[in-house]
Amino acid sequence: MKKGRDSASKNEDYLISNEIESWATENDFVDHFYISGIINALRAQKDRNSWLTLDPNEYLPTKSKNNLRTLQRSLSLLNLARNSLVFLPVAITWLAISKATSAFSIYGKSNALNLINFLDFWQNGYGVLSPKWSLSEIATLDFQIILTVIALTIASSLLNQRIVQKRVTTEEHFQKTRQELSMLISLHANRTTLKNLKNLKSKLAEDLLVKDNRKTLKNLRNYAP
């Protein structure tokens, strides 16, 4: 009968260790000293009572790692792209003005008697300025870049909100499961303590009974009819 109880106890230890390992794997705490120590103690049945006397609410990790690296990396890339594009329309516009001014100067030297408006020249080129630097092309390109910046800003804001919500949800889930695991370990430790106390009482009772029987037997042997 005692062997059966020992086997059941070891099986319960193994199940508890699986629960701890599952929680640690989910939260990336497999290498934590308390977690690895109590798992090894429960499975190897070595120093298990010592580990079970430690308060899990004190020794379990108290803060989640919030593994949101993928989302954080995406947010960083979005912000980098947006920040890089913010001043691009200004740079393109001034480059186009420089190209148009140089071309207009060349055109003016060849057409001194037929000068035209600079904006008209910038738009039409008159065979001197490349069409890709025309006013309408530059304005369209700037507009497209600005729309892209707006879209990236909105996407960045939405992603940031998602990260904040995810962080809060993750922390709440972590604290809830941590408390559940702490209670599970504590209950298992209490059951172990009660079982040890019962075994101790049983052993003490057996010792007292043996001593009493020995005393009675001794008295019987010393009794002379």
N, C-alpha and C. Protein backbone atom coordinates (compact mmCIF):
# COMPACT_ATOMS: atom_id res chain seq x y z
N MET A 1 0.82 -1.20 0.00
CA MET A 1 0.00 0.00 0.00
C MET A 1 0.86 1.26 0.00
N LYS A 2 1.91 1.28 0.78
CA LYS A 2 2.81 2.41 0.86
C LYS A 2 3.48 2.70 -0.47
N LYS A 3 3.82 1.60 -1.19
CA LYS A 3 4.45 1.75 -2.50
C LYS A 3 3.51 2.42 -3.47
N GLY A 4 2.19 2.07 -3.37
CA GLY A 4 1.19 2.69 -4.24
C GLY A 4 1.08 4.18 -3.97
N ARG A 5 1.12 4.57 -2.72
CA ARG A 5 1.05 5.99 -2.38
C ARG A 5 2.28 6.73 -2.90
N ASP A 6 3.46 6.14 -2.80
CA ASP A 6 4.68 6.76 -3.31
C ASP A 6 4.61 6.95 -4.82
N SER A 7 4.08 5.97 -5.52
CA SER A 7 3.96 6.04 -6.97
C SER A 7 2.99 7.15 -7.37
N ALA A 8 1.88 7.25 -6.63
CA ALA A 8 0.89 8.29 -6.93
C ALA A 8 1.48 9.67 -6.66
N SER A 9 2.27 9.78 -5.60
CA SER A 9 2.90 11.05 -5.25
C SER A 9 3.90 11.49 -6.33
N LYS A 10 4.69 10.54 -6.82
CA LYS A 10 5.65 10.86 -7.88
C LYS A 10 4.94 11.28 -9.15
N ASN A 11 3.83 10.62 -9.44
CA ASN A 11 3.06 10.96 -10.63
C ASN A 11 2.48 12.37 -10.51
N GLU A 12 2.02 12.72 -9.33
CA GLU A 12 1.49 14.07 -9.09
C GLU A 12 2.61 15.11 -9.22
N ASP A 13 3.79 14.78 -8.70
CA ASP A 13 4.95 15.67 -8.85
C ASP A 13 5.25 15.92 -10.32
N TYR A 14 5.19 14.86 -11.11
CA TYR A 14 5.52 14.97 -12.53
C TYR A 14 4.48 15.85 -13.25
N LEU A 15 3.21 15.68 -12.90
CA LEU A 15 2.15 16.49 -13.52
C LEU A 15 2.32 17.97 -13.16
N ILE A 16 2.65 18.24 -11.90
CA ILE A 16 2.86 19.63 -11.48
C ILE A 16 4.06 20.22 -12.21
N SER A 17 5.11 19.44 -12.36
CA SER A 17 6.31 19.93 -13.06
C SER A 17 5.99 20.25 -14.52
N ASN A 18 5.10 19.46 -15.14
CA ASN A 18 4.69 19.74 -16.52
C ASN A 18 3.93 21.06 -16.61
N GLU A 19 3.08 21.32 -15.62
CA GLU A 19 2.34 22.58 -15.60
C GLU A 19 3.30 23.76 -15.48
N ILE A 20 4.28 23.63 -14.62
CA ILE A 20 5.27 24.70 -14.44
C ILE A 20 6.06 24.92 -15.71
N GLU A 21 6.50 23.82 -16.34
CA GLU A 21 7.30 23.92 -17.56
C GLU A 21 6.50 24.54 -18.69
N SER A 22 5.21 24.17 -18.79
CA SER A 22 4.36 24.72 -19.84
C SER A 22 4.21 26.23 -19.68
N TRP A 23 4.00 26.68 -18.45
CA TRP A 23 3.87 28.12 -18.18
C TRP A 23 5.18 28.84 -18.47
N ALA A 24 6.29 28.24 -18.06
CA ALA A 24 7.60 28.85 -18.27
C ALA A 24 7.92 28.96 -19.77
N THR A 25 7.58 27.93 -20.54
CA THR A 25 7.83 27.94 -21.98
C THR A 25 7.00 29.03 -22.66
N GLU A 26 5.75 29.14 -22.26
CA GLU A 26 4.86 30.15 -22.84
C GLU A 26 5.37 31.57 -22.58
N ASN A 27 5.98 31.77 -21.41
CA ASN A 27 6.42 33.11 -21.02
C ASN A 27 7.93 33.31 -21.12
N ASP A 28 8.63 32.32 -21.69
CA ASP A 28 10.07 32.43 -21.93
C ASP A 28 10.86 32.58 -20.63
N PHE A 29 10.52 31.71 -19.65
CA PHE A 29 11.23 31.72 -18.37
C PHE A 29 11.79 30.34 -18.03
N VAL A 30 12.09 29.54 -19.05
CA VAL A 30 12.55 28.17 -18.83
C VAL A 30 13.86 28.15 -18.04
N ASP A 31 14.71 29.14 -18.24
CA ASP A 31 16.02 29.16 -17.59
C ASP A 31 16.01 29.87 -16.24
N HIS A 32 14.85 30.31 -15.80
CA HIS A 32 14.77 30.98 -14.50
C HIS A 32 15.18 30.02 -13.39
N PHE A 33 15.98 30.50 -12.43
CA PHE A 33 16.59 29.61 -11.43
C PHE A 33 15.55 28.88 -10.60
N TYR A 34 14.48 29.57 -10.21
CA TYR A 34 13.45 28.91 -9.37
C TYR A 34 12.68 27.88 -10.18
N ILE A 35 12.32 28.25 -11.39
CA ILE A 35 11.52 27.34 -12.23
C ILE A 35 12.31 26.09 -12.60
N SER A 36 13.54 26.28 -13.08
CA SER A 36 14.35 25.11 -13.44
C SER A 36 14.66 24.27 -12.20
N GLY A 37 14.86 24.93 -11.06
CA GLY A 37 15.18 24.20 -9.83
C GLY A 37 14.03 23.35 -9.33
N ILE A 38 12.82 23.90 -9.29
CA ILE A 38 11.69 23.15 -8.77
C ILE A 38 11.26 22.05 -9.73
N ILE A 39 11.41 22.29 -11.04
CA ILE A 39 11.09 21.23 -12.02
C ILE A 39 12.03 20.05 -11.84
N ASN A 40 13.32 20.33 -11.75
CA ASN A 40 14.30 19.26 -11.55
C ASN A 40 14.08 18.52 -10.23
N ALA A 41 13.72 19.28 -9.18
CA ALA A 41 13.49 18.67 -7.87
C ALA A 41 12.29 17.73 -7.91
N LEU A 42 11.22 18.15 -8.58
CA LEU A 42 10.01 17.33 -8.64
C LEU A 42 10.22 16.09 -9.51
N ARG A 43 10.99 16.22 -10.57
CA ARG A 43 11.18 15.09 -11.48
C ARG A 43 12.25 14.13 -11.00
N ALA A 44 13.31 14.67 -10.43
CA ALA A 44 14.40 13.81 -9.95
C ALA A 44 14.17 13.34 -8.52
N GLN A 45 13.12 13.90 -7.86
CA GLN A 45 12.83 13.57 -6.47
C GLN A 45 14.04 13.84 -5.57
N LYS A 46 14.71 14.96 -5.86
CA LYS A 46 15.89 15.33 -5.09
C LYS A 46 15.68 16.73 -4.53
N ASP A 47 15.73 16.84 -3.20
CA ASP A 47 15.51 18.11 -2.51
C ASP A 47 14.14 18.70 -2.81
N ARG A 48 13.19 17.85 -3.13
CA ARG A 48 11.85 18.34 -3.49
C ARG A 48 11.18 19.08 -2.34
N ASN A 49 11.33 18.55 -1.12
CA ASN A 49 10.69 19.19 0.04
C ASN A 49 11.28 20.57 0.29
N SER A 50 12.57 20.70 0.07
CA SER A 50 13.21 22.01 0.26
C SER A 50 12.70 23.03 -0.74
N TRP A 51 12.57 22.61 -1.99
CA TRP A 51 12.06 23.52 -3.02
C TRP A 51 10.59 23.85 -2.79
N LEU A 52 9.83 22.86 -2.30
CA LEU A 52 8.40 23.09 -2.08
C LEU A 52 8.14 24.01 -0.88
N THR A 53 9.12 24.16 0.00
CA THR A 53 8.93 25.07 1.13
C THR A 53 9.09 26.53 0.71
N LEU A 54 9.68 26.77 -0.46
CA LEU A 54 9.83 28.15 -0.96
C LEU A 54 8.47 28.68 -1.42
N ASP A 55 8.20 29.92 -1.09
CA ASP A 55 6.93 30.54 -1.47
C ASP A 55 6.94 30.88 -2.97
N PRO A 56 6.13 30.20 -3.78
CA PRO A 56 6.14 30.45 -5.23
C PRO A 56 5.72 31.87 -5.58
N ASN A 57 4.87 32.47 -4.76
CA ASN A 57 4.43 33.84 -5.04
C ASN A 57 5.58 34.82 -4.92
N GLU A 58 6.60 34.43 -4.17
CA GLU A 58 7.77 35.29 -4.00
C GLU A 58 8.84 35.01 -5.04
N TYR A 59 8.97 33.73 -5.44
CA TYR A 59 10.09 33.35 -6.30
C TYR A 59 9.74 33.24 -7.78
N LEU A 60 8.46 33.12 -8.13
CA LEU A 60 8.10 33.10 -9.54
C LEU A 60 8.37 34.48 -10.15
N PRO A 61 8.75 34.56 -11.43
CA PRO A 61 8.97 35.86 -12.09
C PRO A 61 7.74 36.75 -11.93
N THR A 62 7.96 38.00 -11.62
CA THR A 62 6.84 38.91 -11.33
C THR A 62 6.44 39.79 -12.51
N LYS A 63 7.26 39.80 -13.55
CA LYS A 63 6.98 40.67 -14.69
C LYS A 63 7.14 39.88 -15.98
N SER A 64 6.16 40.00 -16.87
CA SER A 64 6.25 39.30 -18.14
C SER A 64 7.30 39.96 -19.03
N LYS A 65 7.84 39.18 -19.95
CA LYS A 65 8.86 39.73 -20.85
C LYS A 65 8.25 40.49 -22.02
N ASN A 66 6.90 40.36 -22.19
CA ASN A 66 6.23 41.07 -23.28
C ASN A 66 6.96 40.94 -24.60
N ASN A 67 7.04 39.72 -25.08
CA ASN A 67 7.78 39.46 -26.32
C ASN A 67 7.01 39.97 -27.54
N LEU A 68 7.17 41.28 -27.79
CA LEU A 68 6.49 41.92 -28.92
C LEU A 68 7.53 42.43 -29.91
N ARG A 69 8.62 41.67 -30.02
CA ARG A 69 9.74 42.14 -30.85
C ARG A 69 9.34 42.34 -32.31
N THR A 70 8.51 41.44 -32.84
CA THR A 70 8.11 41.55 -34.25
C THR A 70 7.31 42.82 -34.48
N LEU A 71 6.33 43.08 -33.59
CA LEU A 71 5.53 44.29 -33.73
C LEU A 71 6.37 45.55 -33.51
N GLN A 72 7.26 45.51 -32.54
CA GLN A 72 8.13 46.66 -32.28
C GLN A 72 9.04 46.94 -33.46
N ARG A 73 9.55 45.87 -34.07
CA ARG A 73 10.41 46.04 -35.24
C ARG A 73 9.63 46.65 -36.41
N SER A 74 8.39 46.19 -36.59
CA SER A 74 7.55 46.73 -37.66
C SER A 74 7.25 48.20 -37.42
N LEU A 75 6.99 48.56 -36.15
CA LEU A 75 6.72 49.96 -35.83
C LEU A 75 7.95 50.82 -36.09
N SER A 76 9.11 50.32 -35.75
CA SER A 76 10.35 51.07 -35.98
C SER A 76 10.58 51.30 -37.47
N LEU A 77 10.32 50.28 -38.28
CA LEU A 77 10.50 50.41 -39.73
C LEU A 77 9.51 51.41 -40.32
N LEU A 78 8.26 51.38 -39.82
CA LEU A 78 7.25 52.34 -40.29
C LEU A 78 7.68 53.76 -39.96
N ASN A 79 8.13 53.97 -38.73
CA ASN A 79 8.56 55.31 -38.32
C ASN A 79 9.78 55.78 -39.10
N LEU A 80 10.70 54.84 -39.37
CA LEU A 80 11.88 55.19 -40.14
C LEU A 80 11.50 55.60 -41.56
N ALA A 81 10.61 54.82 -42.17
CA ALA A 81 10.16 55.14 -43.53
C ALA A 81 9.44 56.49 -43.57
N ARG A 82 8.55 56.70 -42.60
CA ARG A 82 7.81 57.98 -42.55
C ARG A 82 8.75 59.16 -42.35
N ASN A 83 9.67 59.03 -41.39
CA ASN A 83 10.59 60.14 -41.11
C ASN A 83 11.51 60.42 -42.28
N SER A 84 11.83 59.38 -43.04
CA SER A 84 12.70 59.55 -44.20
C SER A 84 11.98 60.27 -45.34
N LEU A 85 10.66 60.08 -45.42
CA LEU A 85 9.89 60.65 -46.53
C LEU A 85 9.36 62.05 -46.25
N VAL A 86 9.37 62.45 -44.96
CA VAL A 86 8.76 63.73 -44.59
C VAL A 86 9.33 64.91 -45.39
N PHE A 87 10.64 64.97 -45.49
CA PHE A 87 11.27 66.11 -46.16
C PHE A 87 11.62 65.83 -47.63
N LEU A 88 11.26 64.64 -48.10
CA LEU A 88 11.58 64.30 -49.49
C LEU A 88 10.88 65.20 -50.50
N PRO A 89 9.58 65.55 -50.31
CA PRO A 89 8.94 66.46 -51.27
C PRO A 89 9.64 67.81 -51.37
N VAL A 90 10.10 68.33 -50.23
CA VAL A 90 10.81 69.61 -50.24
C VAL A 90 12.11 69.49 -51.03
N ALA A 91 12.84 68.38 -50.79
CA ALA A 91 14.11 68.17 -51.49
C ALA A 91 13.89 68.04 -52.99
N ILE A 92 12.86 67.27 -53.38
CA ILE A 92 12.57 67.08 -54.80
C ILE A 92 12.15 68.39 -55.45
N THR A 93 11.31 69.14 -54.74
CA THR A 93 10.83 70.41 -55.29
C THR A 93 11.98 71.39 -55.53
N TRP A 94 12.88 71.50 -54.54
CA TRP A 94 14.02 72.42 -54.72
C TRP A 94 14.98 71.93 -55.79
N LEU A 95 15.11 70.62 -55.92
CA LEU A 95 15.94 70.10 -57.01
C LEU A 95 15.33 70.43 -58.36
N ALA A 96 14.00 70.27 -58.43
CA ALA A 96 13.30 70.59 -59.69
C ALA A 96 13.41 72.08 -60.02
N ILE A 97 13.31 72.92 -58.99
CA ILE A 97 13.46 74.37 -59.21
C ILE A 97 14.86 74.68 -59.74
N SER A 98 15.85 73.99 -59.18
CA SER A 98 17.22 74.20 -59.64
C SER A 98 17.37 73.81 -61.11
N LYS A 99 16.80 72.63 -61.45
CA LYS A 99 16.86 72.18 -62.85
C LYS A 99 16.14 73.17 -63.77
N ALA A 100 14.93 73.61 -63.33
CA ALA A 100 14.13 74.52 -64.16
C ALA A 100 14.82 75.88 -64.30
N THR A 101 15.44 76.35 -63.23
CA THR A 101 16.12 77.64 -63.28
C THR A 101 17.31 77.61 -64.25
N SER A 102 18.08 76.53 -64.17
CA SER A 102 19.23 76.38 -65.07
C SER A 102 18.77 76.31 -66.52
N ALA A 103 17.72 75.52 -66.76
CA ALA A 103 17.19 75.37 -68.12
C ALA A 103 16.60 76.69 -68.62
N PHE A 104 15.93 77.42 -67.73
CA PHE A 104 15.32 78.69 -68.10
C PHE A 104 16.39 79.72 -68.48
N SER A 105 17.52 79.64 -67.78
CA SER A 105 18.63 80.53 -68.09
C SER A 105 19.18 80.24 -69.48
N ILE A 106 19.31 78.95 -69.79
CA ILE A 106 19.79 78.56 -71.13
C ILE A 106 18.80 79.00 -72.21
N TYR A 107 17.50 78.77 -71.91
CA TYR A 107 16.45 79.15 -72.86
C TYR A 107 16.44 80.67 -73.08
N GLY A 108 16.65 81.42 -71.99
CA GLY A 108 16.63 82.88 -72.10
C GLY A 108 17.74 83.42 -72.97
N LYS A 109 18.90 82.79 -72.93
CA LYS A 109 20.02 83.25 -73.74
C LYS A 109 19.74 83.04 -75.22
N SER A 110 19.02 81.98 -75.54
CA SER A 110 18.72 81.69 -76.95
C SER A 110 17.47 82.39 -77.43
N ASN A 111 16.65 82.86 -76.53
CA ASN A 111 15.38 83.48 -76.90
C ASN A 111 15.20 84.80 -76.14
N ALA A 112 16.20 85.67 -76.28
CA ALA A 112 16.18 86.94 -75.56
C ALA A 112 15.01 87.82 -75.96
N LEU A 113 14.57 87.71 -77.21
CA LEU A 113 13.47 88.54 -77.68
C LEU A 113 12.12 87.89 -77.47
N ASN A 114 12.11 86.67 -76.99
CA ASN A 114 10.84 85.95 -76.81
C ASN A 114 10.77 85.31 -75.42
N LEU A 115 10.97 86.16 -74.42
CA LEU A 115 10.95 85.66 -73.05
C LEU A 115 9.54 85.27 -72.64
N ILE A 116 9.42 84.24 -71.83
CA ILE A 116 8.13 83.76 -71.35
C ILE A 116 8.15 83.70 -69.83
N ASN A 117 6.98 83.45 -69.25
CA ASN A 117 6.85 83.32 -67.80
C ASN A 117 7.59 82.07 -67.31
N PHE A 118 8.26 82.19 -66.13
CA PHE A 118 9.04 81.06 -65.60
C PHE A 118 8.18 79.83 -65.33
N LEU A 119 6.99 80.05 -64.77
CA LEU A 119 6.10 78.92 -64.47
C LEU A 119 5.65 78.23 -65.75
N ASP A 120 5.41 79.05 -66.78
CA ASP A 120 5.03 78.48 -68.08
C ASP A 120 6.17 77.63 -68.62
N PHE A 121 7.38 78.17 -68.52
CA PHE A 121 8.55 77.42 -68.99
C PHE A 121 8.73 76.13 -68.18
N TRP A 122 8.56 76.24 -66.85
CA TRP A 122 8.74 75.06 -65.96
C TRP A 122 7.76 73.96 -66.34
N GLN A 123 6.54 74.39 -66.74
CA GLN A 123 5.54 73.38 -67.07
C GLN A 123 5.78 72.78 -68.47
N ASN A 124 6.14 73.58 -69.41
CA ASN A 124 6.21 73.10 -70.80
C ASN A 124 7.62 72.73 -71.25
N GLY A 125 8.63 73.27 -70.62
CA GLY A 125 10.00 72.89 -70.93
C GLY A 125 10.58 73.49 -72.19
N TYR A 126 9.80 73.63 -73.20
CA TYR A 126 10.22 74.20 -74.48
C TYR A 126 11.49 73.54 -75.02
N GLY A 127 11.56 72.25 -74.91
CA GLY A 127 12.66 71.49 -75.48
C GLY A 127 13.96 71.61 -74.71
N VAL A 128 13.98 72.37 -73.65
CA VAL A 128 15.21 72.55 -72.86
C VAL A 128 15.13 71.77 -71.54
N LEU A 129 14.00 71.85 -70.91
CA LEU A 129 13.80 71.16 -69.63
C LEU A 129 13.13 69.81 -69.87
N SER A 130 13.68 68.75 -69.28
CA SER A 130 13.12 67.42 -69.44
C SER A 130 11.70 67.36 -68.85
N PRO A 131 10.77 66.66 -69.52
CA PRO A 131 9.39 66.57 -69.03
C PRO A 131 9.28 66.01 -67.61
N LYS A 132 10.27 65.18 -67.19
CA LYS A 132 10.18 64.59 -65.84
C LYS A 132 10.37 65.64 -64.75
N TRP A 133 10.91 66.84 -65.15
CA TRP A 133 11.10 67.92 -64.18
C TRP A 133 10.03 68.99 -64.31
N SER A 134 9.00 68.72 -65.08
CA SER A 134 7.94 69.71 -65.28
C SER A 134 7.18 69.95 -63.98
N LEU A 135 6.54 71.09 -63.88
CA LEU A 135 5.83 71.48 -62.65
C LEU A 135 4.76 70.47 -62.27
N SER A 136 3.99 70.02 -63.24
CA SER A 136 2.90 69.07 -62.95
C SER A 136 3.44 67.73 -62.48
N GLU A 137 4.56 67.28 -63.08
CA GLU A 137 5.14 66.00 -62.69
C GLU A 137 5.67 66.07 -61.24
N ILE A 138 6.35 67.15 -60.93
CA ILE A 138 6.89 67.32 -59.58
C ILE A 138 5.76 67.45 -58.57
N ALA A 139 4.72 68.21 -58.91
CA ALA A 139 3.58 68.39 -58.00
C ALA A 139 2.88 67.05 -57.73
N THR A 140 2.73 66.24 -58.80
CA THR A 140 2.10 64.92 -58.64
C THR A 140 2.95 64.00 -57.78
N LEU A 141 4.26 64.03 -58.02
CA LEU A 141 5.17 63.19 -57.24
C LEU A 141 5.15 63.60 -55.76
N ASP A 142 5.18 64.93 -55.51
CA ASP A 142 5.14 65.43 -54.13
C ASP A 142 3.83 65.00 -53.44
N PHE A 143 2.73 65.10 -54.18
CA PHE A 143 1.43 64.72 -53.65
C PHE A 143 1.41 63.24 -53.27
N GLN A 144 1.96 62.41 -54.12
CA GLN A 144 2.00 60.97 -53.85
C GLN A 144 2.85 60.66 -52.61
N ILE A 145 3.96 61.36 -52.49
CA ILE A 145 4.84 61.14 -51.32
C ILE A 145 4.14 61.59 -50.04
N ILE A 146 3.45 62.73 -50.09
CA ILE A 146 2.73 63.23 -48.92
C ILE A 146 1.63 62.26 -48.51
N LEU A 147 0.91 61.71 -49.50
CA LEU A 147 -0.12 60.71 -49.20
C LEU A 147 0.50 59.48 -48.53
N THR A 148 1.68 59.10 -49.02
CA THR A 148 2.38 57.96 -48.43
C THR A 148 2.76 58.25 -46.98
N VAL A 149 3.24 59.47 -46.71
CA VAL A 149 3.60 59.86 -45.35
C VAL A 149 2.38 59.82 -44.43
N ILE A 150 1.25 60.31 -44.94
CA ILE A 150 0.01 60.29 -44.16
C ILE A 150 -0.40 58.85 -43.85
N ALA A 151 -0.32 57.98 -44.88
CA ALA A 151 -0.69 56.58 -44.68
C ALA A 151 0.23 55.90 -43.67
N LEU A 152 1.53 56.20 -43.77
CA LEU A 152 2.49 55.62 -42.82
C LEU A 152 2.25 56.13 -41.40
N THR A 153 1.87 57.39 -41.28
CA THR A 153 1.58 57.96 -39.96
C THR A 153 0.37 57.28 -39.32
N ILE A 154 -0.67 57.09 -40.13
CA ILE A 154 -1.87 56.40 -39.63
C ILE A 154 -1.55 54.97 -39.25
N ALA A 155 -0.80 54.28 -40.12
CA ALA A 155 -0.43 52.88 -39.84
C ALA A 155 0.43 52.78 -38.58
N SER A 156 1.35 53.74 -38.41
CA SER A 156 2.21 53.75 -37.23
C SER A 156 1.40 53.97 -35.96
N SER A 157 0.44 54.88 -36.03
CA SER A 157 -0.41 55.16 -34.87
C SER A 157 -1.26 53.94 -34.50
N LEU A 158 -1.84 53.30 -35.50
CA LEU A 158 -2.66 52.11 -35.25
C LEU A 158 -1.83 50.96 -34.68
N LEU A 159 -0.64 50.79 -35.25
CA LEU A 159 0.23 49.71 -34.77
C LEU A 159 0.70 49.99 -33.34
N ASN A 160 0.97 51.26 -33.04
CA ASN A 160 1.38 51.61 -31.69
C ASN A 160 0.26 51.32 -30.69
N GLN A 161 -0.98 51.65 -31.06
CA GLN A 161 -2.12 51.34 -30.21
C GLN A 161 -2.26 49.84 -30.00
N ARG A 162 -2.04 49.10 -31.06
CA ARG A 162 -2.12 47.64 -30.96
C ARG A 162 -1.05 47.09 -30.02
N ILE A 163 0.15 47.65 -30.09
CA ILE A 163 1.23 47.21 -29.22
C ILE A 163 0.90 47.50 -27.76
N VAL A 164 0.36 48.70 -27.50
CA VAL A 164 -0.02 49.07 -26.13
C VAL A 164 -1.09 48.13 -25.60
N GLN A 165 -2.13 47.87 -26.42
CA GLN A 165 -3.20 46.97 -26.00
C GLN A 165 -2.68 45.55 -25.80
N LYS A 166 -1.79 45.14 -26.71
CA LYS A 166 -1.21 43.79 -26.60
C LYS A 166 -0.38 43.68 -25.34
N ARG A 167 0.36 44.74 -25.01
CA ARG A 167 1.20 44.72 -23.81
C ARG A 167 0.33 44.60 -22.55
N VAL A 168 -0.77 45.36 -22.53
CA VAL A 168 -1.67 45.31 -21.38
C VAL A 168 -2.32 43.93 -21.26
N THR A 169 -2.80 43.41 -22.40
CA THR A 169 -3.44 42.09 -22.40
C THR A 169 -2.47 41.01 -21.99
N THR A 170 -1.25 41.09 -22.52
CA THR A 170 -0.23 40.10 -22.18
C THR A 170 0.11 40.12 -20.70
N GLU A 171 0.23 41.33 -20.15
CA GLU A 171 0.57 41.47 -18.73
C GLU A 171 -0.57 40.94 -17.85
N GLU A 172 -1.81 41.23 -18.23
CA GLU A 172 -2.95 40.74 -17.46
C GLU A 172 -3.00 39.21 -17.50
N HIS A 173 -2.78 38.65 -18.68
CA HIS A 173 -2.78 37.19 -18.81
C HIS A 173 -1.63 36.58 -18.00
N PHE A 174 -0.47 37.24 -18.05
CA PHE A 174 0.69 36.75 -17.30
C PHE A 174 0.40 36.72 -15.81
N GLN A 175 -0.13 37.82 -15.28
CA GLN A 175 -0.41 37.90 -13.85
C GLN A 175 -1.47 36.88 -13.43
N LYS A 176 -2.47 36.67 -14.26
CA LYS A 176 -3.53 35.70 -13.96
C LYS A 176 -2.98 34.28 -13.91
N THR A 177 -2.22 33.90 -14.95
CA THR A 177 -1.68 32.54 -15.00
C THR A 177 -0.59 32.34 -13.94
N ARG A 178 0.13 33.42 -13.61
CA ARG A 178 1.15 33.34 -12.56
C ARG A 178 0.49 33.05 -11.21
N GLN A 179 -0.60 33.74 -10.95
CA GLN A 179 -1.31 33.53 -9.68
C GLN A 179 -1.86 32.10 -9.61
N GLU A 180 -2.41 31.63 -10.73
CA GLU A 180 -2.94 30.26 -10.77
C GLU A 180 -1.84 29.24 -10.53
N LEU A 181 -0.68 29.45 -11.16
CA LEU A 181 0.44 28.52 -10.98
C LEU A 181 0.96 28.57 -9.55
N SER A 182 1.02 29.77 -8.98
CA SER A 182 1.49 29.93 -7.60
C SER A 182 0.58 29.16 -6.64
N MET A 183 -0.73 29.28 -6.86
CA MET A 183 -1.68 28.56 -6.00
C MET A 183 -1.55 27.05 -6.18
N LEU A 184 -1.31 26.62 -7.43
CA LEU A 184 -1.16 25.20 -7.71
C LEU A 184 0.04 24.62 -6.98
N ILE A 185 1.17 25.34 -7.04
CA ILE A 185 2.39 24.87 -6.36
C ILE A 185 2.19 24.87 -4.85
N SER A 186 1.53 25.94 -4.34
CA SER A 186 1.31 26.04 -2.89
C SER A 186 0.42 24.92 -2.39
N LEU A 187 -0.64 24.62 -3.13
CA LEU A 187 -1.54 23.53 -2.73
C LEU A 187 -0.81 22.19 -2.74
N HIS A 188 0.02 22.00 -3.76
CA HIS A 188 0.79 20.76 -3.84
C HIS A 188 1.76 20.66 -2.67
N ALA A 189 2.39 21.78 -2.33
CA ALA A 189 3.31 21.79 -1.19
C ALA A 189 2.57 21.51 0.11
N ASN A 190 1.36 22.08 0.27
CA ASN A 190 0.57 21.84 1.48
C ASN A 190 0.14 20.38 1.59
N ARG A 191 -0.24 19.80 0.45
CA ARG A 191 -0.62 18.38 0.47
C ARG A 191 0.57 17.51 0.86
N THR A 192 1.73 17.89 0.35
CA THR A 192 2.95 17.15 0.69
C THR A 192 3.25 17.26 2.19
N THR A 193 3.07 18.49 2.73
CA THR A 193 3.31 18.71 4.16
C THR A 193 2.36 17.89 5.00
N LEU A 194 1.07 17.90 4.62
CA LEU A 194 0.07 17.12 5.36
C LEU A 194 0.36 15.63 5.29
N LYS A 195 0.78 15.19 4.10
CA LYS A 195 1.09 13.77 3.94
C LYS A 195 2.29 13.40 4.80
N ASN A 196 3.29 14.27 4.85
CA ASN A 196 4.47 14.00 5.68
C ASN A 196 4.12 13.97 7.16
N LEU A 197 3.19 14.88 7.57
CA LEU A 197 2.76 14.90 8.96
C LEU A 197 2.00 13.63 9.32
N LYS A 198 1.14 13.17 8.40
CA LYS A 198 0.40 11.93 8.64
C LYS A 198 1.35 10.75 8.75
N ASN A 199 2.33 10.73 7.85
CA ASN A 199 3.32 9.64 7.90
C ASN A 199 4.12 9.69 9.20
N LEU A 200 4.44 10.93 9.64
CA LEU A 200 5.19 11.08 10.88
C LEU A 200 4.37 10.62 12.08
N LYS A 201 3.09 11.02 12.09
CA LYS A 201 2.22 10.59 13.18
C LYS A 201 2.05 9.09 13.19
N SER A 202 1.89 8.52 12.00
CA SER A 202 1.75 7.06 11.90
C SER A 202 3.00 6.36 12.40
N LYS A 203 4.17 6.91 12.04
CA LYS A 203 5.42 6.30 12.48
C LYS A 203 5.58 6.43 14.00
N LEU A 204 5.22 7.61 14.53
CA LEU A 204 5.30 7.80 15.98
C LEU A 204 4.36 6.84 16.71
N ALA A 205 3.15 6.67 16.14
CA ALA A 205 2.19 5.74 16.75
C ALA A 205 2.73 4.32 16.73
N GLU A 206 3.34 3.94 15.59
CA GLU A 206 3.91 2.60 15.49
C GLU A 206 5.04 2.42 16.50
N ASP A 207 5.90 3.46 16.63
CA ASP A 207 7.01 3.39 17.58
C ASP A 207 6.50 3.26 19.01
N LEU A 208 5.45 4.03 19.32
CA LEU A 208 4.88 3.95 20.66
C LEU A 208 4.26 2.60 20.92
N LEU A 209 3.60 2.06 19.89
CA LEU A 209 2.97 0.75 20.03
C LEU A 209 4.03 -0.33 20.23
N VAL A 210 5.13 -0.22 19.46
CA VAL A 210 6.21 -1.20 19.61
C VAL A 210 6.81 -1.11 21.00
N LYS A 211 7.05 0.12 21.46
CA LYS A 211 7.61 0.31 22.80
C LYS A 211 6.67 -0.23 23.86
N ASP A 212 5.38 0.03 23.69
CA ASP A 212 4.39 -0.45 24.65
C ASP A 212 4.33 -1.96 24.66
N ASN A 213 4.40 -2.56 23.46
CA ASN A 213 4.37 -4.03 23.37
C ASN A 213 5.61 -4.64 24.01
N ARG A 214 6.75 -3.98 23.74
CA ARG A 214 7.99 -4.48 24.35
C ARG A 214 7.91 -4.40 25.88
N LYS A 215 7.36 -3.30 26.38
CA LYS A 215 7.22 -3.13 27.83
C LYS A 215 6.28 -4.17 28.41
N THR A 216 5.18 -4.40 27.70
CA THR A 216 4.21 -5.41 28.16
C THR A 216 4.84 -6.79 28.15
N LEU A 217 5.59 -7.10 27.06
CA LEU A 217 6.23 -8.41 26.95
C LEU A 217 7.26 -8.60 28.06
N LYS A 218 7.98 -7.50 28.33
CA LYS A 218 8.98 -7.57 29.40
C LYS A 218 8.33 -7.82 30.74
N ASN A 219 7.20 -7.14 30.96
CA ASN A 219 6.48 -7.34 32.22
C ASN A 219 5.96 -8.76 32.35
N LEU A 220 5.50 -9.32 31.24
CA LEU A 220 4.98 -10.69 31.25
C LEU A 220 6.10 -11.67 31.56
N ARG A 221 7.26 -11.40 30.97
CA ARG A 221 8.40 -12.30 31.22
C ARG A 221 8.87 -12.22 32.68
N ASN A 222 8.76 -11.01 33.23
CA ASN A 222 9.19 -10.83 34.63
C ASN A 222 8.14 -11.27 35.64
N TYR A 223 6.97 -11.57 35.11
CA TYR A 223 5.89 -11.96 36.03
C TYR A 223 6.12 -13.40 36.48
N ALA A 224 6.09 -13.54 37.73
CA ALA A 224 6.26 -14.91 38.28
C ALA A 224 4.96 -15.35 38.92
N PRO A 225 4.29 -16.40 38.42
CA PRO A 225 3.00 -16.87 38.99
C PRO A 225 3.21 -17.47 40.37
